[in-house]
């Protein structure tokens, strides 16, 4: 396993621990992302959440260079939250907040 893969695994393990401490599952969870304003990238993120019946809000920056995306979905547990973070992390240029 590469160092970066190990660091990523450790990050998600810590995230799961923190989510279990501060969130109540099952329940709604809010994701926030910032991406370069490109229709293809926006569509990729929307597709990731298609089966989760998302509530999605988008807002472009003043100069329209970036778009912020807020996604609210109903999740069963921290593992499901992390699953979606990992999927969105595959989209190039995404900043996860």
PDB file of N, CA and C in Angstrom:
ATOM      1  N   UNK A   1       0.848  -1.178   0.000  1.00  0.00           N
ATOM      2  CA  UNK A   1       0.000   0.000   0.000  1.00  0.00           C
ATOM      3  C   UNK A   1       0.892   1.240   0.000  1.00  0.00           C
ATOM      4  N   UNK A   2       0.577   2.205  -0.868  1.00  0.00           N
ATOM      5  CA  UNK A   2       1.378   3.424  -0.953  1.00  0.00           C
ATOM      6  C   UNK A   2       1.121   4.309   0.262  1.00  0.00           C
ATOM      7  N   UNK A   3       2.066   5.219   0.502  1.00  0.00           N
ATOM      8  CA  UNK A   3       1.914   6.141   1.638  1.00  0.00           C
ATOM      9  C   UNK A   3       0.655   6.994   1.495  1.00  0.00           C
ATOM     10  N   UNK A   4       0.392   7.463   0.273  1.00  0.00           N
ATOM     11  CA  UNK A   4      -0.794   8.307   0.096  1.00  0.00           C
ATOM     12  C   UNK A   4      -2.080   7.516   0.322  1.00  0.00           C
ATOM     13  N   UNK A   5      -2.108   6.258  -0.080  1.00  0.00           N
ATOM     14  CA  UNK A   5      -3.284   5.422   0.158  1.00  0.00           C
ATOM     15  C   UNK A   5      -3.462   5.182   1.654  1.00  0.00           C
ATOM     16  N   UNK A   6      -2.363   4.942   2.342  1.00  0.00           N
ATOM     17  CA  UNK A   6      -2.423   4.724   3.789  1.00  0.00           C
ATOM     18  C   UNK A   6      -2.904   5.987   4.496  1.00  0.00           C
ATOM     19  N   UNK A   7      -2.410   7.160   4.056  1.00  0.00           N
ATOM     20  CA  UNK A   7      -2.852   8.420   4.651  1.00  0.00           C
ATOM     21  C   UNK A   7      -4.344   8.633   4.410  1.00  0.00           C
ATOM     22  N   UNK A   8      -4.794   8.300   3.211  1.00  0.00           N
ATOM     23  CA  UNK A   8      -6.211   8.446   2.895  1.00  0.00           C
ATOM     24  C   UNK A   8      -7.062   7.515   3.759  1.00  0.00           C
ATOM     25  N   UNK A   9      -6.623   6.276   3.918  1.00  0.00           N
ATOM     26  CA  UNK A   9      -7.345   5.323   4.761  1.00  0.00           C
ATOM     27  C   UNK A   9      -7.417   5.811   6.203  1.00  0.00           C
ATOM     28  N   UNK A  10      -6.301   6.339   6.711  1.00  0.00           N
ATOM     29  CA  UNK A  10      -6.278   6.864   8.080  1.00  0.00           C
ATOM     30  C   UNK A  10      -7.211   8.071   8.214  1.00  0.00           C
ATOM     31  N   UNK A  11      -7.237   8.939   7.190  1.00  0.00           N
ATOM     32  CA  UNK A  11      -8.118  10.095   7.217  1.00  0.00           C
ATOM     33  C   UNK A  11      -9.578   9.650   7.340  1.00  0.00           C
ATOM     34  N   UNK A  12      -9.981   8.689   6.509  1.00  0.00           N
ATOM     35  CA  UNK A  12     -11.374   8.246   6.536  1.00  0.00           C
ATOM     36  C   UNK A  12     -11.712   7.484   7.819  1.00  0.00           C
ATOM     37  N   UNK A  13     -10.751   6.819   8.407  1.00  0.00           N
ATOM     38  CA  UNK A  13     -10.979   6.166   9.700  1.00  0.00           C
ATOM     39  C   UNK A  13     -11.238   7.219  10.774  1.00  0.00           C
ATOM     40  N   UNK A  14     -10.427   8.293  10.775  1.00  0.00           N
ATOM     41  CA  UNK A  14     -10.641   9.388  11.736  1.00  0.00           C
ATOM     42  C   UNK A  14     -11.978  10.087  11.486  1.00  0.00           C
ATOM     43  N   UNK A  15     -12.296  10.288  10.210  1.00  0.00           N
ATOM     44  CA  UNK A  15     -13.564  10.931   9.867  1.00  0.00           C
ATOM     45  C   UNK A  15     -14.741  10.106  10.366  1.00  0.00           C
ATOM     46  N   UNK A  16     -14.694   8.806  10.190  1.00  0.00           N
ATOM     47  CA  UNK A  16     -15.771   7.933  10.661  1.00  0.00           C
ATOM     48  C   UNK A  16     -15.943   8.070  12.170  1.00  0.00           C
ATOM     49  N   UNK A  17     -14.836   8.075  12.906  1.00  0.00           N
ATOM     50  CA  UNK A  17     -14.891   8.230  14.356  1.00  0.00           C
ATOM     51  C   UNK A  17     -15.549   9.551  14.738  1.00  0.00           C
ATOM     52  N   UNK A  18     -15.138  10.639  14.061  1.00  0.00           N
ATOM     53  CA  UNK A  18     -15.706  11.955  14.362  1.00  0.00           C
ATOM     54  C   UNK A  18     -17.185  12.041  13.992  1.00  0.00           C
ATOM     55  N   UNK A  19     -17.535  11.490  12.851  1.00  0.00           N
ATOM     56  CA  UNK A  19     -18.949  11.502  12.449  1.00  0.00           C
ATOM     57  C   UNK A  19     -19.814  10.766  13.460  1.00  0.00           C
ATOM     58  N   UNK A  20     -19.334   9.618  13.933  1.00  0.00           N
ATOM     59  CA  UNK A  20     -20.103   8.854  14.913  1.00  0.00           C
ATOM     60  C   UNK A  20     -20.262   9.620  16.223  1.00  0.00           C
ATOM     61  N   UNK A  21     -19.301  10.499  16.533  1.00  0.00           N
ATOM     62  CA  UNK A  21     -19.386  11.301  17.757  1.00  0.00           C
ATOM     63  C   UNK A  21     -20.386  12.449  17.632  1.00  0.00           C
ATOM     64  N   UNK A  22     -20.390  13.122  16.476  1.00  0.00           N
ATOM     65  CA  UNK A  22     -21.132  14.385  16.372  1.00  0.00           C
ATOM     66  C   UNK A  22     -22.430  14.314  15.582  1.00  0.00           C
ATOM     67  N   UNK A  23     -22.620  13.278  14.795  1.00  0.00           N
ATOM     68  CA  UNK A  23     -23.837  13.172  13.985  1.00  0.00           C
ATOM     69  C   UNK A  23     -24.778  12.134  14.583  1.00  0.00           C
ATOM     70  N   UNK A  24     -26.060  12.299  14.272  1.00  0.00           N
ATOM     71  CA  UNK A  24     -27.068  11.327  14.664  1.00  0.00           C
ATOM     72  C   UNK A  24     -27.517  10.590  13.408  1.00  0.00           C
ATOM     73  N   UNK A  25     -27.344   9.289  13.427  1.00  0.00           N
ATOM     74  CA  UNK A  25     -27.730   8.465  12.264  1.00  0.00           C
ATOM     75  C   UNK A  25     -28.877   7.550  12.644  1.00  0.00           C
ATOM     76  N   UNK A  26     -29.783   7.270  11.736  1.00  0.00           N
ATOM     77  CA  UNK A  26     -29.894   7.840  10.395  1.00  0.00           C
ATOM     78  C   UNK A  26     -30.412   9.273  10.459  1.00  0.00           C
ATOM     79  N   UNK A  27     -30.147  10.027   9.377  1.00  0.00           N
ATOM     80  CA  UNK A  27     -30.596  11.414   9.314  1.00  0.00           C
ATOM     81  C   UNK A  27     -30.039  12.117   8.091  1.00  0.00           C
ATOM     82  N   UNK A  28     -30.408  13.384   7.944  1.00  0.00           N
ATOM     83  CA  UNK A  28     -29.919  14.177   6.824  1.00  0.00           C
ATOM     84  C   UNK A  28     -28.464  14.567   7.050  1.00  0.00           C
ATOM     85  N   UNK A  29     -27.697  14.578   5.971  1.00  0.00           N
ATOM     86  CA  UNK A  29     -26.299  14.999   6.034  1.00  0.00           C
ATOM     87  C   UNK A  29     -26.063  15.995   4.903  1.00  0.00           C
ATOM     88  N   UNK A  30     -25.327  17.066   5.205  1.00  0.00           N
ATOM     89  CA  UNK A  30     -25.049  18.116   4.231  1.00  0.00           C
ATOM     90  C   UNK A  30     -23.604  18.039   3.772  1.00  0.00           C
ATOM     91  N   UNK A  31     -23.427  17.937   2.473  1.00  0.00           N
ATOM     92  CA  UNK A  31     -22.107  17.972   1.843  1.00  0.00           C
ATOM     93  C   UNK A  31     -21.939  19.336   1.187  1.00  0.00           C
ATOM     94  N   UNK A  32     -20.710  19.862   1.218  1.00  0.00           N
ATOM     95  CA  UNK A  32     -20.421  21.119   0.542  1.00  0.00           C
ATOM     96  C   UNK A  32     -19.148  20.941  -0.268  1.00  0.00           C
ATOM     97  N   UNK A  33     -19.230  21.381  -1.522  1.00  0.00           N
ATOM     98  CA  UNK A  33     -18.103  21.258  -2.440  1.00  0.00           C
ATOM     99  C   UNK A  33     -17.919  22.559  -3.203  1.00  0.00           C
ATOM    100  N   UNK A  34     -16.698  22.807  -3.622  1.00  0.00           N
ATOM    101  CA  UNK A  34     -16.398  23.903  -4.538  1.00  0.00           C
ATOM    102  C   UNK A  34     -15.660  23.286  -5.714  1.00  0.00           C
ATOM    103  N   UNK A  35     -16.115  23.632  -6.918  1.00  0.00           N
ATOM    104  CA  UNK A  35     -15.482  23.082  -8.114  1.00  0.00           C
ATOM    105  C   UNK A  35     -15.337  24.176  -9.159  1.00  0.00           C
ATOM    106  N   UNK A  36     -14.402  23.998 -10.080  1.00  0.00           N
ATOM    107  CA  UNK A  36     -14.357  24.916 -11.217  1.00  0.00           C
ATOM    108  C   UNK A  36     -15.692  24.823 -11.966  1.00  0.00           C
ATOM    109  N   UNK A  37     -16.182  25.948 -12.442  1.00  0.00           N
ATOM    110  CA  UNK A  37     -17.468  25.962 -13.126  1.00  0.00           C
ATOM    111  C   UNK A  37     -17.318  25.319 -14.502  1.00  0.00           C
ATOM    112  N   UNK A  38     -17.605  24.029 -14.532  1.00  0.00           N
ATOM    113  CA  UNK A  38     -17.596  23.261 -15.774  1.00  0.00           C
ATOM    114  C   UNK A  38     -18.805  22.333 -15.728  1.00  0.00           C
ATOM    115  N   UNK A  39     -19.627  22.400 -16.748  1.00  0.00           N
ATOM    116  CA  UNK A  39     -20.859  21.596 -16.765  1.00  0.00           C
ATOM    117  C   UNK A  39     -20.578  20.114 -16.572  1.00  0.00           C
ATOM    118  N   UNK A  40     -19.489  19.622 -17.155  1.00  0.00           N
ATOM    119  CA  UNK A  40     -19.165  18.201 -17.042  1.00  0.00           C
ATOM    120  C   UNK A  40     -18.919  17.816 -15.579  1.00  0.00           C
ATOM    121  N   UNK A  41     -18.160  18.629 -14.843  1.00  0.00           N
ATOM    122  CA  UNK A  41     -17.857  18.331 -13.436  1.00  0.00           C
ATOM    123  C   UNK A  41     -19.112  18.432 -12.570  1.00  0.00           C
ATOM    124  N   UNK A  42     -19.925  19.432 -12.843  1.00  0.00           N
ATOM    125  CA  UNK A  42     -21.174  19.586 -12.094  1.00  0.00           C
ATOM    126  C   UNK A  42     -22.061  18.365 -12.316  1.00  0.00           C
ATOM    127  N   UNK A  43     -22.165  17.925 -13.573  1.00  0.00           N
ATOM    128  CA  UNK A  43     -22.984  16.751 -13.894  1.00  0.00           C
ATOM    129  C   UNK A  43     -22.438  15.490 -13.223  1.00  0.00           C
ATOM    130  N   UNK A  44     -21.115  15.356 -13.152  1.00  0.00           N
ATOM    131  CA  UNK A  44     -20.514  14.189 -12.494  1.00  0.00           C
ATOM    132  C   UNK A  44     -20.932  14.127 -11.028  1.00  0.00           C
ATOM    133  N   UNK A  45     -20.877  15.260 -10.355  1.00  0.00           N
ATOM    134  CA  UNK A  45     -21.250  15.284  -8.939  1.00  0.00           C
ATOM    135  C   UNK A  45     -22.738  14.984  -8.781  1.00  0.00           C
ATOM    136  N   UNK A  46     -23.560  15.570  -9.618  1.00  0.00           N
ATOM    137  CA  UNK A  46     -24.996  15.293  -9.535  1.00  0.00           C
ATOM    138  C   UNK A  46     -25.273  13.808  -9.756  1.00  0.00           C
ATOM    139  N   UNK A  47     -24.585  13.204 -10.701  1.00  0.00           N
ATOM    140  CA  UNK A  47     -24.782  11.781 -10.994  1.00  0.00           C
ATOM    141  C   UNK A  47     -24.425  10.899  -9.799  1.00  0.00           C
ATOM    142  N   UNK A  48     -23.397  11.277  -9.056  1.00  0.00           N
ATOM    143  CA  UNK A  48     -22.979  10.492  -7.885  1.00  0.00           C
ATOM    144  C   UNK A  48     -24.125  10.378  -6.878  1.00  0.00           C
ATOM    145  N   UNK A  49     -24.894  11.443  -6.750  1.00  0.00           N
ATOM    146  CA  UNK A  49     -25.966  11.475  -5.751  1.00  0.00           C
ATOM    147  C   UNK A  49     -27.343  11.119  -6.315  1.00  0.00           C
ATOM    148  N   UNK A  50     -27.425  10.788  -7.598  1.00  0.00           N
ATOM    149  CA  UNK A  50     -28.719  10.535  -8.247  1.00  0.00           C
ATOM    150  C   UNK A  50     -29.633   9.586  -7.481  1.00  0.00           C
ATOM    151  N   UNK A  51     -29.107   8.468  -7.031  1.00  0.00           N
ATOM    152  CA  UNK A  51     -29.944   7.455  -6.374  1.00  0.00           C
ATOM    153  C   UNK A  51     -30.252   7.777  -4.912  1.00  0.00           C
ATOM    154  N   UNK A  52     -29.694   8.877  -4.392  1.00  0.00           N
ATOM    155  CA  UNK A  52     -29.878   9.233  -2.984  1.00  0.00           C
ATOM    156  C   UNK A  52     -30.972  10.284  -2.776  1.00  0.00           C
ATOM    157  N   UNK A  53     -31.710  10.610  -3.835  1.00  0.00           N
ATOM    158  CA  UNK A  53     -32.775  11.618  -3.759  1.00  0.00           C
ATOM    159  C   UNK A  53     -32.264  12.908  -3.120  1.00  0.00           C
ATOM    160  N   UNK A  54     -31.270  13.530  -3.735  1.00  0.00           N
ATOM    161  CA  UNK A  54     -30.624  14.699  -3.136  1.00  0.00           C
ATOM    162  C   UNK A  54     -31.417  15.990  -3.283  1.00  0.00           C
ATOM    163  N   UNK A  55     -31.164  16.882  -2.346  1.00  0.00           N
ATOM    164  CA  UNK A  55     -31.564  18.283  -2.491  1.00  0.00           C
ATOM    165  C   UNK A  55     -30.255  18.995  -2.821  1.00  0.00           C
ATOM    166  N   UNK A  56     -30.188  19.612  -3.991  1.00  0.00           N
ATOM    167  CA  UNK A  56     -28.945  20.224  -4.451  1.00  0.00           C
ATOM    168  C   UNK A  56     -29.152  21.714  -4.685  1.00  0.00           C
ATOM    169  N   UNK A  57     -28.220  22.496  -4.146  1.00  0.00           N
ATOM    170  CA  UNK A  57     -28.197  23.939  -4.396  1.00  0.00           C
ATOM    171  C   UNK A  57     -26.831  24.288  -4.969  1.00  0.00           C
ATOM    172  N   UNK A  58     -26.840  25.156  -5.984  1.00  0.00           N
ATOM    173  CA  UNK A  58     -25.583  25.584  -6.596  1.00  0.00           C
ATOM    174  C   UNK A  58     -25.532  27.102  -6.662  1.00  0.00           C
ATOM    175  N   UNK A  59     -24.320  27.610  -6.530  1.00  0.00           N
ATOM    176  CA  UNK A  59     -24.130  29.058  -6.621  1.00  0.00           C
ATOM    177  C   UNK A  59     -22.768  29.331  -7.239  1.00  0.00           C
ATOM    178  N   UNK A  60     -22.770  30.144  -8.282  1.00  0.00           N
ATOM    179  CA  UNK A  60     -21.514  30.515  -8.923  1.00  0.00           C
ATOM    180  C   UNK A  60     -20.852  31.650  -8.159  1.00  0.00           C
ATOM    181  N   UNK A  61     -19.525  31.677  -8.219  1.00  0.00           N
ATOM    182  CA  UNK A  61     -18.778  32.782  -7.629  1.00  0.00           C
ATOM    183  C   UNK A  61     -19.028  34.044  -8.460  1.00  0.00           C
ATOM    184  N   UNK A  62     -18.611  35.205  -7.949  1.00  0.00           N
ATOM    185  CA  UNK A  62     -18.849  36.477  -8.643  1.00  0.00           C
ATOM    186  C   UNK A  62     -18.343  36.458 -10.080  1.00  0.00           C
ATOM    187  N   UNK A  63     -17.161  35.904 -10.265  1.00  0.00           N
ATOM    188  CA  UNK A  63     -16.584  35.890 -11.610  1.00  0.00           C
ATOM    189  C   UNK A  63     -16.938  34.620 -12.389  1.00  0.00           C
ATOM    190  N   UNK A  64     -17.792  33.776 -11.817  1.00  0.00           N
ATOM    191  CA  UNK A  64     -18.279  32.532 -12.436  1.00  0.00           C
ATOM    192  C   UNK A  64     -17.173  31.515 -12.685  1.00  0.00           C
ATOM    193  N   UNK A  65     -16.047  31.686 -12.037  1.00  0.00           N
ATOM    194  CA  UNK A  65     -14.938  30.744 -12.208  1.00  0.00           C
ATOM    195  C   UNK A  65     -15.181  29.458 -11.416  1.00  0.00           C
ATOM    196  N   UNK A  66     -15.849  29.594 -10.268  1.00  0.00           N
ATOM    197  CA  UNK A  66     -16.122  28.441  -9.401  1.00  0.00           C
ATOM    198  C   UNK A  66     -17.601  28.348  -9.094  1.00  0.00           C
ATOM    199  N   UNK A  67     -18.029  27.134  -8.769  1.00  0.00           N
ATOM    200  CA  UNK A  67     -19.407  26.890  -8.350  1.00  0.00           C
ATOM    201  C   UNK A  67     -19.381  26.157  -7.018  1.00  0.00           C
ATOM    202  N   UNK A  68     -20.174  26.651  -6.062  1.00  0.00           N
ATOM    203  CA  UNK A  68     -20.319  25.918  -4.798  1.00  0.00           C
ATOM    204  C   UNK A  68     -21.568  25.053  -4.922  1.00  0.00           C
ATOM    205  N   UNK A  69     -21.438  23.836  -4.448  1.00  0.00           N
ATOM    206  CA  UNK A  69     -22.540  22.883  -4.510  1.00  0.00           C
ATOM    207  C   UNK A  69     -22.819  22.387  -3.096  1.00  0.00           C
ATOM    208  N   UNK A  70     -24.064  22.493  -2.681  1.00  0.00           N
ATOM    209  CA  UNK A  70     -24.507  21.952  -1.400  1.00  0.00           C
ATOM    210  C   UNK A  70     -25.475  20.817  -1.707  1.00  0.00           C
ATOM    211  N   UNK A  71     -25.195  19.663  -1.120  1.00  0.00           N
ATOM    212  CA  UNK A  71     -26.025  18.487  -1.340  1.00  0.00           C
ATOM    213  C   UNK A  71     -26.502  17.980   0.015  1.00  0.00           C
ATOM    214  N   UNK A  72     -27.807  17.802   0.169  1.00  0.00           N
ATOM    215  CA  UNK A  72     -28.373  17.236   1.390  1.00  0.00           C
ATOM    216  C   UNK A  72     -29.039  15.922   1.013  1.00  0.00           C
ATOM    217  N   UNK A  73     -28.632  14.855   1.709  1.00  0.00           N
ATOM    218  CA  UNK A  73     -29.251  13.543   1.486  1.00  0.00           C
ATOM    219  C   UNK A  73     -29.517  12.884   2.838  1.00  0.00           C
ATOM    220  N   UNK A  74     -30.381  11.898   2.817  1.00  0.00           N
ATOM    221  CA  UNK A  74     -30.650  11.082   3.996  1.00  0.00           C
ATOM    222  C   UNK A  74     -29.651   9.936   3.995  1.00  0.00           C
ATOM    223  N   UNK A  75     -28.906   9.794   5.092  1.00  0.00           N
ATOM    224  CA  UNK A  75     -27.908   8.724   5.202  1.00  0.00           C
ATOM    225  C   UNK A  75     -28.234   7.835   6.393  1.00  0.00           C
ATOM    226  N   UNK A  76     -27.807   6.587   6.291  1.00  0.00           N
ATOM    227  CA  UNK A  76     -28.062   5.624   7.357  1.00  0.00           C
ATOM    228  C   UNK A  76     -26.968   5.598   8.408  1.00  0.00           C
ATOM    229  N   UNK A  77     -25.712   5.847   7.969  1.00  0.00           N
ATOM    230  CA  UNK A  77     -24.593   5.762   8.909  1.00  0.00           C
ATOM    231  C   UNK A  77     -23.368   6.476   8.354  1.00  0.00           C
ATOM    232  N   UNK A  78     -22.310   6.532   9.157  1.00  0.00           N
ATOM    233  CA  UNK A  78     -21.079   7.221   8.772  1.00  0.00           C
ATOM    234  C   UNK A  78     -20.436   6.573   7.552  1.00  0.00           C
ATOM    235  N   UNK A  79     -20.568   5.269   7.414  1.00  0.00           N
ATOM    236  CA  UNK A  79     -19.983   4.591   6.252  1.00  0.00           C
ATOM    237  C   UNK A  79     -20.608   5.096   4.949  1.00  0.00           C
ATOM    238  N   UNK A  80     -21.888   5.377   4.975  1.00  0.00           N
ATOM    239  CA  UNK A  80     -22.551   5.892   3.783  1.00  0.00           C
ATOM    240  C   UNK A  80     -22.066   7.313   3.480  1.00  0.00           C
ATOM    241  N   UNK A  81     -21.873   8.123   4.505  1.00  0.00           N
ATOM    242  CA  UNK A  81     -21.332   9.474   4.324  1.00  0.00           C
ATOM    243  C   UNK A  81     -19.973   9.390   3.640  1.00  0.00           C
ATOM    244  N   UNK A  82     -19.122   8.529   4.142  1.00  0.00           N
ATOM    245  CA  UNK A  82     -17.768   8.384   3.616  1.00  0.00           C
ATOM    246  C   UNK A  82     -17.793   7.849   2.185  1.00  0.00           C
ATOM    247  N   UNK A  83     -18.703   6.942   1.895  1.00  0.00           N
ATOM    248  CA  UNK A  83     -18.828   6.417   0.526  1.00  0.00           C
ATOM    249  C   UNK A  83     -18.992   7.560  -0.469  1.00  0.00           C
ATOM    250  N   UNK A  84     -19.889   8.498  -0.172  1.00  0.00           N
ATOM    251  CA  UNK A  84     -20.130   9.602  -1.099  1.00  0.00           C
ATOM    252  C   UNK A  84     -18.931  10.545  -1.167  1.00  0.00           C
ATOM    253  N   UNK A  85     -18.265  10.789  -0.042  1.00  0.00           N
ATOM    254  CA  UNK A  85     -17.039  11.609  -0.072  1.00  0.00           C
ATOM    255  C   UNK A  85     -15.992  10.973  -0.984  1.00  0.00           C
ATOM    256  N   UNK A  86     -15.821   9.671  -0.887  1.00  0.00           N
ATOM    257  CA  UNK A  86     -14.835   8.980  -1.723  1.00  0.00           C
ATOM    258  C   UNK A  86     -15.200   9.082  -3.202  1.00  0.00           C
ATOM    259  N   UNK A  87     -16.478   8.935  -3.522  1.00  0.00           N
ATOM    260  CA  UNK A  87     -16.908   9.019  -4.923  1.00  0.00           C
ATOM    261  C   UNK A  87     -16.687  10.423  -5.483  1.00  0.00           C
ATOM    262  N   UNK A  88     -17.056  11.445  -4.708  1.00  0.00           N
ATOM    263  CA  UNK A  88     -16.856  12.824  -5.169  1.00  0.00           C
ATOM    264  C   UNK A  88     -15.360  13.126  -5.262  1.00  0.00           C
ATOM    265  N   UNK A  89     -14.559  12.535  -4.384  1.00  0.00           N
ATOM    266  CA  UNK A  89     -13.121  12.747  -4.418  1.00  0.00           C
ATOM    267  C   UNK A  89     -12.471  12.287  -5.707  1.00  0.00           C
ATOM    268  N   UNK A  90     -13.141  11.460  -6.475  1.00  0.00           N
ATOM    269  CA  UNK A  90     -12.623  10.990  -7.760  1.00  0.00           C
ATOM    270  C   UNK A  90     -12.778  12.037  -8.863  1.00  0.00           C
ATOM    271  N   UNK A  91     -13.610  13.063  -8.613  1.00  0.00           N
ATOM    272  CA  UNK A  91     -13.824  14.121  -9.604  1.00  0.00           C
ATOM    273  C   UNK A  91     -12.666  15.121  -9.471  1.00  0.00           C
ATOM    274  N   UNK A  92     -11.965  15.319 -10.548  1.00  0.00           N
ATOM    275  CA  UNK A  92     -10.783  16.174 -10.543  1.00  0.00           C
ATOM    276  C   UNK A  92     -11.146  17.629 -10.228  1.00  0.00           C
ATOM    277  N   UNK A  93     -10.387  18.240  -9.327  1.00  0.00           N
ATOM    278  CA  UNK A  93     -10.548  19.661  -9.039  1.00  0.00           C
ATOM    279  C   UNK A  93     -11.560  20.002  -7.957  1.00  0.00           C
ATOM    280  N   UNK A  94     -12.141  19.020  -7.320  1.00  0.00           N
ATOM    281  CA  UNK A  94     -13.154  19.276  -6.297  1.00  0.00           C
ATOM    282  C   UNK A  94     -12.486  19.604  -4.962  1.00  0.00           C
ATOM    283  N   UNK A  95     -12.992  20.639  -4.313  1.00  0.00           N
ATOM    284  CA  UNK A  95     -12.583  20.970  -2.947  1.00  0.00           C
ATOM    285  C   UNK A  95     -13.747  20.567  -2.052  1.00  0.00           C
ATOM    286  N   UNK A  96     -13.476  19.700  -1.091  1.00  0.00           N
ATOM    287  CA  UNK A  96     -14.527  19.242  -0.184  1.00  0.00           C
ATOM    288  C   UNK A  96     -14.421  20.016   1.119  1.00  0.00           C
ATOM    289  N   UNK A  97     -15.530  20.592   1.539  1.00  0.00           N
ATOM    290  CA  UNK A  97     -15.547  21.369   2.773  1.00  0.00           C
ATOM    291  C   UNK A  97     -16.161  20.576   3.889  1.00  0.00           C
TER     292      UNK A  97
END
